[in-house]
Protein backbone atom coordinates (compact mmCIF):
# COMPACT_ATOMS: atom_id res chain seq x y z
CA UNK A 1 -16.97 16.81 -24.14
CA UNK A 2 -16.39 14.46 -21.21
CA UNK A 3 -14.70 15.63 -18.02
CA UNK A 4 -10.92 14.91 -18.33
CA UNK A 5 -10.74 13.58 -14.76
CA UNK A 6 -13.64 11.20 -15.37
CA UNK A 7 -12.06 10.02 -18.61
CA UNK A 8 -8.74 9.41 -16.86
CA UNK A 9 -10.45 7.49 -14.04
CA UNK A 10 -12.20 5.29 -16.60
CA UNK A 11 -8.95 4.71 -18.53
CA UNK A 12 -6.91 3.80 -15.44
CA UNK A 13 -9.59 1.53 -14.00
CA UNK A 14 -10.03 -0.21 -17.36
CA UNK A 15 -6.25 -0.81 -17.45
CA UNK A 16 -6.51 -2.39 -14.01
CA UNK A 17 -9.50 -4.53 -15.03
CA UNK A 18 -7.66 -5.74 -18.14
CA UNK A 19 -4.43 -6.42 -16.24
CA UNK A 20 -3.53 -9.62 -14.41
CA UNK A 21 -4.75 -8.11 -11.14
CA UNK A 22 -8.01 -9.32 -9.64
CA UNK A 23 -10.12 -6.17 -9.41
CA UNK A 24 -13.64 -5.81 -8.02
CA UNK A 25 -15.58 -2.60 -8.34
CA UNK A 26 -17.39 -1.46 -5.19
CA UNK A 27 -21.04 -0.65 -5.93
CA UNK A 28 -20.24 -0.63 -9.67
CA UNK A 29 -18.27 2.57 -9.15
CA UNK A 30 -15.17 3.27 -11.21
CA UNK A 31 -13.89 5.41 -8.31
CA UNK A 32 -13.84 2.72 -5.64
CA UNK A 33 -12.49 -0.78 -6.06
CA UNK A 34 -10.66 -3.65 -4.42
CA UNK A 35 -7.47 -5.21 -5.76
CA UNK A 36 -5.86 -8.50 -4.78
CA UNK A 37 -2.19 -7.68 -4.30
CA UNK A 38 0.53 -10.32 -4.07
CA UNK A 39 3.75 -9.56 -2.20
CA UNK A 40 6.95 -9.37 -4.25
CA UNK A 41 8.34 -12.70 -5.37
CA UNK A 42 11.52 -11.99 -7.29
CA UNK A 43 14.87 -11.56 -5.58
CA UNK A 44 16.23 -8.10 -5.04
CA UNK A 45 19.57 -6.83 -3.76
CA UNK A 46 20.12 -6.45 -0.04
CA UNK A 47 18.65 -3.25 1.37
CA UNK A 48 21.07 -1.27 3.51
CA UNK A 49 19.45 1.04 6.05
CA UNK A 50 21.61 3.70 7.70
CA UNK A 51 19.71 4.34 10.91
CA UNK A 52 22.38 6.50 12.50
CA UNK A 53 25.97 7.22 11.44
CA UNK A 54 27.07 4.33 13.68
CA UNK A 55 24.19 1.93 13.08
CA UNK A 56 23.79 0.44 9.62
CA UNK A 57 21.74 -2.70 9.02
CA UNK A 58 21.28 -4.87 5.97
CA UNK A 59 17.73 -6.11 5.51
CA UNK A 60 16.68 -8.82 3.07
CA UNK A 61 14.23 -6.75 1.03
CA UNK A 62 11.81 -9.47 0.10
CA UNK A 63 11.97 -12.49 2.38
CA UNK A 64 9.40 -11.61 5.03
CA UNK A 65 6.57 -10.54 2.69
CA UNK A 66 7.06 -13.27 0.08
CA UNK A 67 3.90 -15.26 -0.53
CA UNK A 68 1.61 -12.68 1.06
CA UNK A 69 -1.78 -11.86 -0.43
CA UNK A 70 -3.56 -8.65 0.53
CA UNK A 71 -6.82 -7.04 -0.43
CA UNK A 72 -6.22 -3.36 -1.17
CA UNK A 73 -9.05 -0.83 -1.06
CA UNK A 74 -8.63 2.05 -3.51
CA UNK A 75 -10.65 5.25 -3.80
CA UNK A 76 -10.08 7.72 -6.59
CA UNK A 77 -11.06 11.31 -5.80
CA UNK A 78 -13.06 13.36 -8.29
CA UNK A 79 -9.87 15.34 -8.98
CA UNK A 80 -7.85 12.21 -9.92
CA UNK A 81 -5.15 12.18 -11.36
CA UNK A 82 -4.41 15.68 -10.04
CA UNK A 83 -5.11 14.42 -6.53
CA UNK A 84 -3.67 11.07 -5.49
CA UNK A 85 -5.77 7.99 -4.67
CA UNK A 86 -6.49 6.75 -1.15
CA UNK A 87 -5.11 3.29 -0.49
CA UNK A 88 -5.60 0.92 2.42
CA UNK A 89 -4.66 -2.68 3.23
CA UNK A 90 -7.81 -4.52 4.30
CA UNK A 91 -6.13 -7.54 5.89
CA UNK A 92 -3.46 -7.11 8.55
CA UNK A 93 0.15 -6.40 7.72
CA UNK A 94 3.10 -5.73 10.05
CA UNK A 95 5.12 -2.94 8.45
CA UNK A 96 6.64 0.31 9.77
CA UNK A 97 4.88 2.44 7.15
CA UNK A 98 1.42 0.84 7.32
CA UNK A 99 -0.95 1.38 10.23
CA UNK A 100 -1.70 -2.07 11.61
CA UNK A 101 -5.27 -1.29 12.70
CA UNK A 102 -6.55 0.83 9.83
CA UNK A 103 -4.35 -0.37 6.95
CA UNK A 104 -3.45 3.22 6.06
CA UNK A 105 -0.33 3.52 3.97
CA UNK A 106 2.39 6.10 4.61
CA UNK A 107 4.03 6.06 1.23
CA UNK A 108 6.22 9.10 0.61
CA UNK A 109 6.50 8.54 -3.10
CA UNK A 110 2.72 8.93 -3.38
CA UNK A 111 2.14 11.34 -0.49
CA UNK A 112 4.75 13.86 -1.52
CA UNK A 113 5.51 13.30 -5.17
CA UNK A 114 2.25 12.13 -6.73
CA UNK A 115 2.05 13.30 -10.30
CA UNK A 116 -0.72 12.99 -12.90
CA UNK A 117 1.84 11.02 -14.94
CA UNK A 118 1.42 8.08 -12.53
CA UNK A 119 -1.46 5.66 -12.89
CA UNK A 120 -2.96 2.83 -10.85
CA UNK A 121 -0.75 0.20 -12.50
CA UNK A 122 2.31 2.12 -11.16
CA UNK A 123 0.96 1.84 -7.63
CA UNK A 124 0.64 -1.94 -7.82
CA UNK A 125 3.73 -2.68 -9.92
CA UNK A 126 6.16 -0.16 -8.44
CA UNK A 127 5.06 1.76 -5.35
CA UNK A 128 3.59 -1.01 -3.17
CA UNK A 129 6.31 -3.59 -3.99
CA UNK A 130 8.98 -0.97 -3.18
CA UNK A 131 7.22 -0.17 0.09
CA UNK A 132 7.33 -3.84 1.09
CA UNK A 133 10.94 -4.29 -0.02
CA UNK A 134 12.32 -1.13 1.52
CA UNK A 135 10.48 -0.11 4.69
CA UNK A 136 11.38 3.27 6.17
CA UNK A 137 11.55 2.99 9.98
CA UNK A 138 12.34 6.72 10.22
CA UNK A 139 8.81 7.67 9.05
CA UNK A 140 6.58 5.13 10.83
CA UNK A 141 2.85 4.70 11.12
CA UNK A 142 3.51 1.54 13.12
CA UNK A 143 6.02 2.47 15.83
CA UNK A 144 6.32 -1.10 17.10
CA UNK A 145 7.32 -2.40 13.67
CA UNK A 146 9.76 0.47 13.15
CA UNK A 147 11.44 -0.05 16.54
CA UNK A 148 11.68 -3.79 16.00
CA UNK A 149 13.19 -3.32 12.52
CA UNK A 150 15.77 -0.87 13.86
CA UNK A 151 16.72 -2.74 17.04
CA UNK A 152 16.11 -6.41 16.22
CA UNK A 153 15.86 -7.00 12.45
CA UNK A 154 15.66 -10.80 12.77
CA UNK A 155 12.73 -10.51 15.22
CA UNK A 156 11.08 -8.03 12.85
CA UNK A 157 11.43 -10.48 9.97
CA UNK A 158 10.00 -13.31 12.10
CA UNK A 159 6.99 -11.19 13.10
CA UNK A 160 6.36 -10.14 9.48
CA UNK A 161 6.46 -13.79 8.41
CA UNK A 162 4.06 -14.69 11.25
CA UNK A 163 1.62 -12.00 10.05
CA UNK A 164 1.95 -13.17 6.45
CA UNK A 165 1.12 -16.76 7.49
CA UNK A 166 -1.83 -15.67 9.68
CA UNK A 167 -3.31 -12.68 7.87
CA UNK A 168 -1.94 -12.54 4.30
CA UNK A 169 -3.32 -15.74 2.80
CA UNK A 170 -5.73 -15.95 -0.10
CA UNK A 171 -8.45 -16.95 2.37
CA UNK A 172 -7.70 -14.01 4.66
CA UNK A 173 -7.73 -11.60 1.72
CA UNK A 174 -11.06 -13.04 0.53
CA UNK A 175 -12.51 -12.68 4.02
CA UNK A 176 -11.16 -9.16 4.58
CA UNK A 177 -13.86 -6.53 4.65
CA UNK A 178 -13.63 -2.95 5.64
CA UNK A 179 -16.26 -3.55 8.33
CA UNK A 180 -17.46 0.01 7.93
CA UNK A 181 -20.91 0.96 6.85
CA UNK A 182 -20.47 4.47 8.21
CA UNK A 183 -18.37 7.49 7.36
CA UNK A 184 -15.31 6.34 9.34
CA UNK A 185 -14.00 4.73 6.14
CA UNK A 186 -12.18 7.90 5.12
CA UNK A 187 -10.28 7.99 8.41
CA UNK A 188 -9.17 4.38 7.98
CA UNK A 189 -7.61 4.83 4.59
CA UNK A 190 -4.57 6.85 3.84
CA UNK A 191 -5.65 10.17 2.46
CA UNK A 192 -2.66 10.84 0.34
CA UNK A 193 -1.63 14.41 -0.16
CA UNK A 194 -1.94 15.86 -3.60
CA UNK A 195 0.43 18.07 -5.47
CA UNK A 196 -2.06 20.89 -4.98
CA UNK A 197 -2.59 20.68 -1.21
CA UNK A 198 -2.91 24.43 -1.00
CA UNK A 199 -6.50 24.30 -2.29
């Protein structure tokens, strides 16, 4: 009988390969692959962020990331789906919850509440679009982006749009490589906590 984790990895990766996403396996491995991810395009209601009891801002949830194209590097651990995947943006993005240099994602819904019920399609159809629509400046990996969003939302939006135009084009995504042939790769991707971190 096949290992349940291996079977689940194969099932989830096959779903990704058969979906509308452009997926490329790395070294023909089902546990490491690249996905072309397009920023959200449909309209969403205004996002209201309560930064302090006296400071509340309304942020257009979509505008700055619209039209962006990113290459996402995904690694599935041997314990997947009981341990969450590692995810990293390979081309630059200016976002409070994404490290600008490494592309690591700070995504609470995956870090803290990952469940074996989720699959890779959920990450690309729900989690990442929500992260782009509703940044959390109170839990930043990019302090500059968080401060700008909290203090000067219009400047934040302008900088995000500038990054999208410069670094989130189809050409930039195609050209994005991890640039790592050594073991530093693991440090550059978000190593998302699993529901069984006590191991």
